[in-house]
C-alpha cells in the first residue's frame, strides 16, 4: 500500500495552511471522532524519559540500568515489594499528576458542546482529568488507575488510589505546596514497600496486578463493555453525516484499533474527512489523500494555533 505524507515543519506557511484547513473541517463537521495515542500525552509533557524519569526513578535507573519508564515496566524485579515500589511510582506520575501542558484542556475546548467521541489506547486517564464526558470515552487498553486480580475468574477492576498513595508515602515521597508527592529534598527514597502494603484482591485475597492490556489476562469489566457499546452506538449514528476523524499521536504499534478503522470510515463515506497529527510521522493511504490532512507537527502547537485563530 502506498502512503502520502508531508511535513508541515518545513515552512511556516505550510503549518498555517494546515491549521486553517483543520479549522474549516472542524467547523463543517456534524460529528467529531477523536482517536488518541501515546503521542497526545507526550505532547502534553508526559515524557517517559528525561528529567521527569530521573526525578522519580533515578534510583531505579542507577541500580537496574534502564533509562525510561517503558523499560522499567517490563523489568523482572522478582520481589513483589520492589515490583510495587516501581509500579506505584509509575502509576502515580502518569495517572494522578496533571501533565505540564494543558493539551487535553485545549482539545476539550474544541469539541465541547459538539457531538464527539474519544477512542484511545492511552491508559493515563487524562481525558477525564481534563473534564471530558466519561460517557464519551472508550479506553481500550486499560487504566493506570485500576488494578485487577490475577485470578481470571474475578472479572472486576478496583480503583487503586488508596493503595498507590500508601505505597508512595511508605517510600518517602512528601507532598509539596501543590499537593503533589515529590522526592524529599533531604534523605533518600526506599525502593521497596512494606510487605503489608502489597495489594490483595478484596474478593478472593489473591495477588493483584495492573489493569493494562499486556497479555490475555487483561480484564474487560462491565465498565469496559459499556464504553465499547457507547462507541459502537456513536459510530452507528454517523451514517450519512459529515464526520471528522481526528487522529492525534497514533503510531503503528496497534493500527487496527484506531488508524485502520478511521481510514476505512473515510473510504466508505465520501463526506467524511481524516486528520492525523503527530510529531514523528503522519501518513494516510493515497486513495483518501484528497480528503485527508497529514500534519507532522507538535499537537500542542496545532491546538494553540487553532485557539489563537
Protein backbone atom coordinates (compact mmCIF):
# COMPACT_ATOMS: atom_id res chain seq x y z
CA UNK A 1 0.00 0.00 0.00
CA UNK A 2 1.35 3.41 -0.94
CA UNK A 3 1.21 6.27 1.52
CA UNK A 4 1.14 10.03 1.19
CA UNK A 5 2.63 12.22 3.87
CA UNK A 6 4.25 15.60 4.25
CA UNK A 7 5.97 17.65 6.90
CA UNK A 8 4.42 20.96 7.96
CA UNK A 9 7.56 21.89 9.88
CA UNK A 10 9.47 22.71 6.73
CA UNK A 11 7.76 26.03 6.17
CA UNK A 12 5.62 28.16 8.44
CA UNK A 13 3.08 28.84 5.70
CA UNK A 14 2.51 25.09 5.30
CA UNK A 15 1.82 24.81 9.02
CA UNK A 16 -0.62 27.73 8.99
CA UNK A 17 -2.36 26.39 5.88
CA UNK A 18 -2.81 23.05 7.61
CA UNK A 19 -4.25 24.70 10.70
CA UNK A 20 -6.63 26.74 8.54
CA UNK A 21 -7.81 23.58 6.77
CA UNK A 22 -8.36 21.82 10.08
CA UNK A 23 -10.32 24.77 11.41
CA UNK A 24 -12.58 24.70 8.35
CA UNK A 25 -13.20 20.97 8.65
CA UNK A 26 -13.92 21.26 12.37
CA UNK A 27 -16.50 23.96 11.67
CA UNK A 28 -18.20 21.89 8.97
CA UNK A 29 -18.28 18.59 10.81
CA UNK A 30 -21.55 17.26 12.20
CA UNK A 31 -19.62 14.91 14.49
CA UNK A 32 -16.01 14.52 15.60
CA UNK A 33 -14.46 11.15 16.27
CA UNK A 34 -11.17 11.52 18.15
CA UNK A 35 -8.61 8.73 18.08
CA UNK A 36 -5.80 9.31 20.56
CA UNK A 37 -2.48 7.56 21.06
CA UNK A 38 0.62 7.99 23.17
CA UNK A 39 1.79 10.98 21.12
CA UNK A 40 -1.01 13.09 22.60
CA UNK A 41 0.21 12.59 26.15
CA UNK A 42 3.80 13.13 25.01
CA UNK A 43 2.72 16.48 23.58
CA UNK A 44 1.16 17.27 26.98
CA UNK A 45 4.55 16.70 28.62
CA UNK A 46 4.26 13.08 29.76
CA UNK A 47 7.73 12.00 28.67
CA UNK A 48 8.80 8.53 29.75
CA UNK A 49 12.46 9.57 29.87
CA UNK A 50 14.48 12.65 30.68
CA UNK A 51 14.15 14.90 33.76
CA UNK A 52 10.75 13.54 34.78
CA UNK A 53 12.09 10.00 34.75
CA UNK A 54 15.25 10.96 36.61
CA UNK A 55 13.31 12.79 39.30
CA UNK A 56 11.03 9.90 40.20
CA UNK A 57 13.07 6.88 39.09
CA UNK A 58 16.72 7.92 39.25
CA UNK A 59 17.47 5.41 41.99
CA UNK A 60 15.91 2.57 39.99
CA UNK A 61 17.82 3.66 36.88
CA UNK A 62 21.13 3.60 38.69
CA UNK A 63 20.52 0.20 40.25
CA UNK A 64 18.90 -1.62 37.32
CA UNK A 65 20.33 0.19 34.31
CA UNK A 66 17.21 1.17 32.38
CA UNK A 67 16.74 4.71 31.13
CA UNK A 68 12.99 5.18 30.75
CA UNK A 69 9.69 4.19 32.33
CA UNK A 70 8.75 1.94 29.44
CA UNK A 71 11.73 -0.35 30.01
CA UNK A 72 11.14 -0.34 33.77
CA UNK A 73 7.59 -1.54 33.28
CA UNK A 74 8.86 -4.80 31.80
CA UNK A 75 11.74 -5.39 34.20
CA UNK A 76 11.54 -8.68 36.20
CA UNK A 77 12.06 -7.26 39.68
CA UNK A 78 11.40 -10.62 41.31
CA UNK A 79 10.25 -9.39 44.71
CA UNK A 80 6.71 -8.01 44.95
CA UNK A 81 7.85 -5.31 47.41
CA UNK A 82 10.18 -3.90 44.74
CA UNK A 83 7.72 -4.50 41.91
CA UNK A 84 5.05 -2.43 43.66
CA UNK A 85 7.52 0.28 44.66
CA UNK A 86 8.24 0.76 40.96
CA UNK A 87 4.65 0.47 39.79
CA UNK A 88 3.20 2.74 42.46
CA UNK A 89 5.55 5.48 41.27
CA UNK A 90 4.76 4.82 37.60
CA UNK A 91 1.02 4.83 38.25
CA UNK A 92 1.21 7.95 40.37
CA UNK A 93 3.16 10.17 37.96
CA UNK A 94 1.21 9.01 34.91
CA UNK A 95 -2.30 8.90 36.37
CA UNK A 96 -2.62 11.15 39.40
CA UNK A 97 -0.42 14.10 38.37
CA UNK A 98 -1.59 16.59 35.74
CA UNK A 99 0.66 16.96 32.67
CA UNK A 100 2.74 20.14 32.31
CA UNK A 101 0.94 21.40 29.20
CA UNK A 102 -2.86 21.91 29.00
CA UNK A 103 -3.15 19.98 25.74
CA UNK A 104 -6.15 17.93 26.87
CA UNK A 105 -7.99 21.01 28.10
CA UNK A 106 -7.35 22.76 24.78
CA UNK A 107 -8.67 19.75 22.91
CA UNK A 108 -11.80 19.73 25.05
CA UNK A 109 -12.43 23.39 24.20
CA UNK A 110 -12.59 22.41 20.51
CA UNK A 111 -15.27 19.75 20.95
CA UNK A 112 -17.28 20.95 23.98
CA UNK A 113 -20.94 21.12 23.05
CA UNK A 114 -20.34 19.09 19.88
CA UNK A 115 -21.30 15.51 19.05
CA UNK A 116 -17.99 13.78 19.72
CA UNK A 117 -16.50 10.54 20.95
CA UNK A 118 -12.98 9.56 22.01
CA UNK A 119 -11.36 6.20 21.29
CA UNK A 120 -7.94 5.93 22.92
CA UNK A 121 -5.18 3.44 23.56
CA UNK A 122 -3.80 5.70 26.31
CA UNK A 123 -4.08 4.44 29.87
CA UNK A 124 -3.28 7.64 31.79
CA UNK A 125 -6.87 8.87 32.36
CA UNK A 126 -6.03 12.39 31.20
CA UNK A 127 -9.22 12.87 29.20
CA UNK A 128 -11.32 12.58 32.34
CA UNK A 129 -8.89 14.73 34.34
CA UNK A 130 -9.38 17.46 31.72
CA UNK A 131 -13.17 17.30 32.01
CA UNK A 132 -14.21 15.15 29.05
CA UNK A 133 -17.57 13.44 29.50
CA UNK A 134 -16.71 9.90 30.62
CA UNK A 135 -19.69 8.54 28.69
CA UNK A 136 -17.93 9.71 25.50
CA UNK A 137 -14.68 7.85 26.21
CA UNK A 138 -13.51 4.35 25.41
CA UNK A 139 -10.16 3.35 26.95
CA UNK A 140 -9.47 0.12 25.08
CA UNK A 141 -6.17 -0.82 26.73
CA UNK A 142 -6.93 -0.25 30.42
CA UNK A 143 -6.32 2.42 33.03
CA UNK A 144 -3.34 3.10 35.28
CA UNK A 145 -5.87 3.89 38.00
CA UNK A 146 -7.25 0.35 38.15
CA UNK A 147 -5.96 -2.97 39.46
CA UNK A 148 -7.28 -6.46 38.80
CA UNK A 149 -6.94 -9.84 40.42
CA UNK A 150 -4.51 -12.34 38.90
CA UNK A 151 -7.36 -14.85 39.24
CA UNK A 152 -9.06 -14.92 35.80
CA UNK A 153 -12.35 -15.86 37.43
CA UNK A 154 -12.58 -12.40 39.04
CA UNK A 155 -13.64 -10.23 36.13
CA UNK A 156 -13.63 -6.96 38.05
CA UNK A 157 -11.37 -3.94 38.41
CA UNK A 158 -10.60 -1.90 41.53
CA UNK A 159 -9.68 1.77 41.98
CA UNK A 160 -6.10 1.90 43.23
CA UNK A 161 -5.77 5.47 44.57
CA UNK A 162 -5.60 4.45 48.25
CA UNK A 163 -3.11 1.67 47.56
CA UNK A 164 -0.89 3.92 45.46
CA UNK A 165 -0.90 6.75 47.98
CA UNK A 166 0.07 4.42 50.83
CA UNK A 167 2.91 2.89 48.79
CA UNK A 168 4.20 6.30 47.68
CA UNK A 169 4.25 7.61 51.24
CA UNK A 170 5.98 4.45 52.51
CA UNK A 171 8.83 5.07 50.08
CA UNK A 172 9.41 8.55 51.48
CA UNK A 173 7.70 10.83 48.97
CA UNK A 174 6.32 14.02 50.50
CA UNK A 175 3.54 16.39 49.47
CA UNK A 176 4.59 19.80 48.20
CA UNK A 177 2.57 23.02 48.49
CA UNK A 178 0.54 21.99 45.42
CA UNK A 179 -0.43 18.68 46.99
CA UNK A 180 1.79 16.62 44.69
CA UNK A 181 4.03 13.88 46.03
CA UNK A 182 7.69 14.61 45.24
CA UNK A 183 11.05 13.21 46.38
CA UNK A 184 12.25 14.75 49.67
CA UNK A 185 14.86 17.50 49.50
CA UNK A 186 16.95 15.59 52.03
CA UNK A 187 17.18 11.89 52.72
CA UNK A 188 16.56 9.06 50.29
CA UNK A 189 13.70 7.06 48.87
CA UNK A 190 13.02 3.44 49.68
CA UNK A 191 12.98 1.16 46.66
CA UNK A 192 10.62 -1.34 48.23
CA UNK A 193 7.37 -1.14 50.14
CA UNK A 194 6.42 -2.93 53.38
CA UNK A 195 5.02 -6.38 52.69
CA UNK A 196 1.71 -5.49 54.32
CA UNK A 197 1.10 -2.82 51.65
CA UNK A 198 1.20 -5.27 48.75
CA UNK A 199 -2.30 -5.09 47.20
CA UNK A 200 -4.54 -8.13 47.54
CA UNK A 201 -7.89 -8.69 45.88
CA UNK A 202 -10.82 -7.68 48.13
CA UNK A 203 -12.95 -10.51 46.69
CA UNK A 204 -10.70 -13.54 46.86
CA UNK A 205 -7.49 -12.44 48.60
CA UNK A 206 -5.30 -13.28 45.61
CA UNK A 207 -2.44 -11.20 44.26
CA UNK A 208 -3.25 -8.21 42.10
CA UNK A 209 -1.77 -6.65 39.00
CA UNK A 210 -2.26 -3.60 36.84
CA UNK A 211 -5.30 -3.39 34.57
CA UNK A 212 -3.25 -2.97 31.39
CA UNK A 213 -3.56 -4.99 28.20
CA UNK A 214 -0.22 -6.78 28.24
CA UNK A 215 -1.49 -10.35 27.83
CA UNK A 216 -4.64 -12.45 27.61
CA UNK A 217 -5.30 -11.92 31.32
CA UNK A 218 -6.49 -8.35 30.80
CA UNK A 219 -9.87 -7.85 32.50
CA UNK A 220 -12.59 -6.22 30.45
CA UNK A 221 -15.08 -5.37 33.18
CA UNK A 222 -18.64 -4.07 32.97
CA UNK A 223 -17.39 -0.50 32.53
CA UNK A 224 -15.19 -1.55 29.62
CA UNK A 225 -18.05 -3.27 27.81
CA UNK A 226 -20.39 -0.34 28.46
CA UNK A 227 -17.87 2.03 26.88
CA UNK A 228 -17.44 -0.33 23.93
CA UNK A 229 -21.23 -0.30 23.36
CA UNK A 230 -21.37 3.50 23.51
CA UNK A 231 -18.54 3.70 20.98
CA UNK A 232 -20.38 1.33 18.62
CA UNK A 233 -23.59 3.33 19.03
CA UNK A 234 -21.78 6.56 18.21
CA UNK A 235 -20.38 5.01 15.05
CA UNK A 236 -23.79 3.69 14.03
CA UNK A 237 -25.36 7.15 14.40
CA UNK A 238 -22.94 8.69 11.90
CA UNK A 239 -24.29 7.06 8.75
CA UNK A 240 -24.64 9.78 6.13
CA UNK A 241 -23.31 12.55 8.39
CA UNK A 242 -20.18 14.66 7.91
CA UNK A 243 -17.71 13.18 10.39
CA UNK A 244 -14.22 14.47 11.09
CA UNK A 245 -11.92 11.62 12.10
CA UNK A 246 -9.29 13.40 14.18
CA UNK A 247 -6.30 11.18 14.93
CA UNK A 248 -3.81 12.50 17.50
CA UNK A 249 -0.44 10.94 18.26
CA UNK A 250 -1.33 7.49 16.94
CA UNK A 251 1.59 5.37 15.77
CA UNK A 252 1.75 2.00 14.07
CA UNK A 253 2.05 -0.25 17.12
CA UNK A 254 -1.66 -1.10 17.17
CA UNK A 255 -3.07 0.35 13.92
CA UNK A 256 -6.07 -1.96 13.96
CA UNK A 257 -7.63 -0.11 16.90
CA UNK A 258 -7.75 3.46 15.57
CA UNK A 259 -5.81 4.12 12.36
CA UNK A 260 -7.12 1.42 10.03
CA UNK A 261 -10.81 1.81 11.12
CA UNK A 262 -10.55 5.59 10.60
CA UNK A 263 -9.17 5.10 7.11
CA UNK A 264 -11.94 2.66 6.27
CA UNK A 265 -14.63 5.04 7.53
CA UNK A 266 -13.34 7.79 5.24
CA UNK A 267 -13.25 5.36 2.31
CA UNK A 268 -16.87 4.40 2.93
CA UNK A 269 -18.17 7.93 3.50
CA UNK A 270 -17.06 10.48 0.91
CA UNK A 271 -18.45 13.26 3.06
CA UNK A 272 -16.03 12.33 5.87
CA UNK A 273 -12.61 13.84 6.50
CA UNK A 274 -9.47 12.43 8.12
CA UNK A 275 -6.86 14.44 10.02
CA UNK A 276 -3.76 12.95 11.57
CA UNK A 277 -1.34 14.96 13.70
CA UNK A 278 1.88 13.55 15.07
CA UNK A 279 5.32 14.98 15.74
CA UNK A 280 7.10 11.90 14.39
CA UNK A 281 5.22 10.84 11.26
CA UNK A 282 1.80 11.44 9.72
CA UNK A 283 0.62 9.17 6.93
CA UNK A 284 -2.52 8.16 5.08
CA UNK A 285 -3.32 5.98 2.06
CA UNK A 286 -3.26 7.54 -1.38
CA UNK A 287 -6.91 6.66 -2.04
CA UNK A 288 -8.18 9.04 0.67
CA UNK A 289 -5.43 11.66 0.41
CA UNK A 290 -7.72 14.28 -1.14
CA UNK A 291 -9.98 14.10 1.91
CA UNK A 292 -7.13 13.88 4.42
CA UNK A 293 -4.80 16.25 6.20
CA UNK A 294 -1.45 14.97 7.49
CA UNK A 295 0.23 17.34 9.93
CA UNK A 296 3.69 16.33 11.07
CA UNK A 297 3.80 18.75 13.96
CA UNK A 298 3.59 19.09 17.71
CA UNK A 299 -0.04 18.52 18.69
CA UNK A 300 0.12 21.22 21.33
CA UNK A 301 1.36 23.74 18.77
CA UNK A 302 -1.54 22.91 16.47
CA UNK A 303 -4.10 23.27 19.26
CA UNK A 304 -2.52 26.57 20.33
CA UNK A 305 -2.74 27.88 16.77
CA UNK A 306 -6.38 26.81 16.50
CA UNK A 307 -7.24 28.71 19.66
CA UNK A 308 -5.39 31.84 18.56
CA UNK A 309 -7.12 31.86 15.19
